[in-house]
Amino acid sequence: MPSEDPDPTGIHEAEPPLSGLIDVTPITEDETPQGVVGVATVGERLDGHRFSLASQLLWLVAATTVILLGAAIFAPSDHLEAVKSIASVVFGPLITLLGTSFAWYYASRKSD
């Protein structure tokens, strides 16, 4: 009568992958984390992202203002009308985005 092999495929006899690279020993009580320090909550991370977005948009509006003022100062008189039309097209959406981002930032701080 042939003996039955509980693992005919031999899968369980092979060494686990990465066995030499990873410590698979059980964690003892003194190795467990005792507390979480320095982890930001989702609200704190979002607050930082909102501030970053608002400040970057403020810098973008400031840079655009300087560029368009420089173009208006140094543009020949026949190109001045083109600079004015570009400024009106560019500033509207930029100021809207800036106002929305600041409102979003301060509204999130008010709820805290």
Protein backbone atom coordinates (compact mmCIF):
# COMPACT_ATOMS: atom_id res chain seq x y z
CA MET A 1 0.00 0.00 0.00
CA PRO A 2 1.57 3.34 -1.08
CA SER A 3 1.96 6.09 1.52
CA GLU A 4 0.07 9.24 0.76
CA ASP A 5 2.13 12.41 0.63
CA PRO A 6 0.28 15.33 2.34
CA ASP A 7 1.97 17.75 -0.09
CA PRO A 8 2.41 16.04 -3.45
CA THR A 9 3.39 19.30 -5.17
CA GLY A 10 6.34 20.01 -2.86
CA ILE A 11 5.34 23.66 -2.50
CA HIS A 12 5.52 23.70 1.29
CA GLU A 13 8.98 22.16 1.32
CA ALA A 14 10.53 25.05 -0.61
CA GLU A 15 12.15 27.94 1.25
CA PRO A 16 9.88 31.01 1.34
CA PRO A 17 10.86 33.78 -1.06
CA LEU A 18 12.88 36.61 0.48
CA SER A 19 13.50 34.52 3.59
CA GLY A 20 17.06 35.80 3.89
CA LEU A 21 16.07 39.44 3.38
CA ILE A 22 13.13 39.82 5.72
CA ASP A 23 13.07 39.11 9.44
CA VAL A 24 10.03 36.89 9.94
CA THR A 25 10.42 36.33 13.67
CA PRO A 26 7.42 37.19 15.84
CA ILE A 27 7.28 40.64 17.38
CA THR A 28 7.78 40.70 21.13
CA GLU A 29 5.94 43.01 23.50
CA ASP A 30 8.88 45.40 23.91
CA GLU A 31 9.21 45.83 20.11
CA THR A 32 5.65 47.00 19.51
CA PRO A 33 5.11 50.73 18.96
CA GLN A 34 4.09 52.48 22.15
CA GLY A 35 2.60 55.55 20.52
CA VAL A 36 2.39 57.44 17.30
CA VAL A 37 4.44 60.63 17.28
CA GLY A 38 4.67 63.13 14.47
CA VAL A 39 1.94 61.78 12.24
CA ALA A 40 -0.20 64.46 10.68
CA THR A 41 -3.91 63.97 10.51
CA VAL A 42 -5.75 64.29 7.22
CA GLY A 43 -7.01 67.73 8.22
CA GLU A 44 -3.52 68.98 9.01
CA ARG A 45 -2.18 67.71 5.71
CA LEU A 46 -5.06 69.28 3.79
CA ASP A 47 -4.53 72.53 5.65
CA GLY A 48 -0.91 72.56 4.53
CA HIS A 49 -1.88 71.78 0.94
CA ARG A 50 -4.51 74.53 0.95
CA PHE A 51 -2.00 77.07 2.26
CA SER A 52 0.54 75.95 -0.33
CA LEU A 53 -2.02 76.26 -3.12
CA ALA A 54 -3.10 79.73 -1.99
CA SER A 55 0.47 81.01 -1.64
CA GLN A 56 1.53 79.59 -5.01
CA LEU A 57 -1.44 81.22 -6.71
CA LEU A 58 -0.57 84.51 -4.99
CA TRP A 59 2.96 84.28 -6.39
CA LEU A 60 1.57 83.46 -9.82
CA VAL A 61 -0.68 86.54 -9.76
CA ALA A 62 2.24 88.69 -8.58
CA ALA A 63 4.54 87.38 -11.32
CA THR A 64 1.85 87.86 -13.96
CA THR A 65 1.28 91.41 -12.74
CA VAL A 66 4.98 92.25 -13.00
CA ILE A 67 5.24 90.71 -16.47
CA LEU A 68 2.17 92.52 -17.77
CA LEU A 69 3.23 95.84 -16.21
CA GLY A 70 6.65 95.43 -17.80
CA ALA A 71 5.02 94.67 -21.14
CA ALA A 72 2.78 97.72 -20.80
CA ILE A 73 5.70 99.99 -19.92
CA PHE A 74 8.05 98.77 -22.63
CA ALA A 75 5.49 98.06 -25.35
CA PRO A 76 5.30 100.44 -28.27
CA SER A 77 2.17 102.55 -28.32
CA ASP A 78 0.61 100.55 -31.15
CA HIS A 79 0.90 97.29 -29.07
CA LEU A 80 -0.49 98.79 -25.87
CA GLU A 81 -4.06 97.86 -26.77
CA ALA A 82 -3.02 94.20 -27.22
CA VAL A 83 -1.37 94.19 -23.77
CA LYS A 84 -4.56 95.60 -22.21
CA SER A 85 -6.71 92.93 -23.84
CA ILE A 86 -4.34 90.17 -22.74
CA ALA A 87 -4.32 91.54 -19.19
CA SER A 88 -8.11 91.55 -19.02
CA VAL A 89 -8.27 87.95 -20.23
CA VAL A 90 -5.51 86.71 -17.92
CA PHE A 91 -6.36 88.55 -14.70
CA GLY A 92 -10.02 87.56 -14.48
CA PRO A 93 -9.50 83.81 -14.10
CA LEU A 94 -6.32 84.24 -12.00
CA ILE A 95 -8.02 86.50 -9.46
CA THR A 96 -11.00 84.15 -9.35
CA LEU A 97 -8.73 81.17 -8.62
CA LEU A 98 -6.80 83.16 -6.03
CA GLY A 99 -9.97 84.25 -4.24
CA THR A 100 -11.39 80.73 -4.29
CA SER A 101 -8.20 79.20 -2.90
CA PHE A 102 -7.99 81.76 -0.08
CA ALA A 103 -11.67 81.28 0.75
CA TRP A 104 -11.16 77.50 0.79
CA TYR A 105 -8.14 77.86 3.06
CA TYR A 106 -9.78 80.23 5.55
CA ALA A 107 -13.11 78.34 5.53
CA SER A 108 -11.27 75.17 6.52
CA ARG A 109 -9.51 77.00 9.36
CA LYS A 110 -12.81 78.48 10.60
CA SER A 111 -14.34 75.01 11.06
CA ASP A 112 -11.49 73.96 13.41
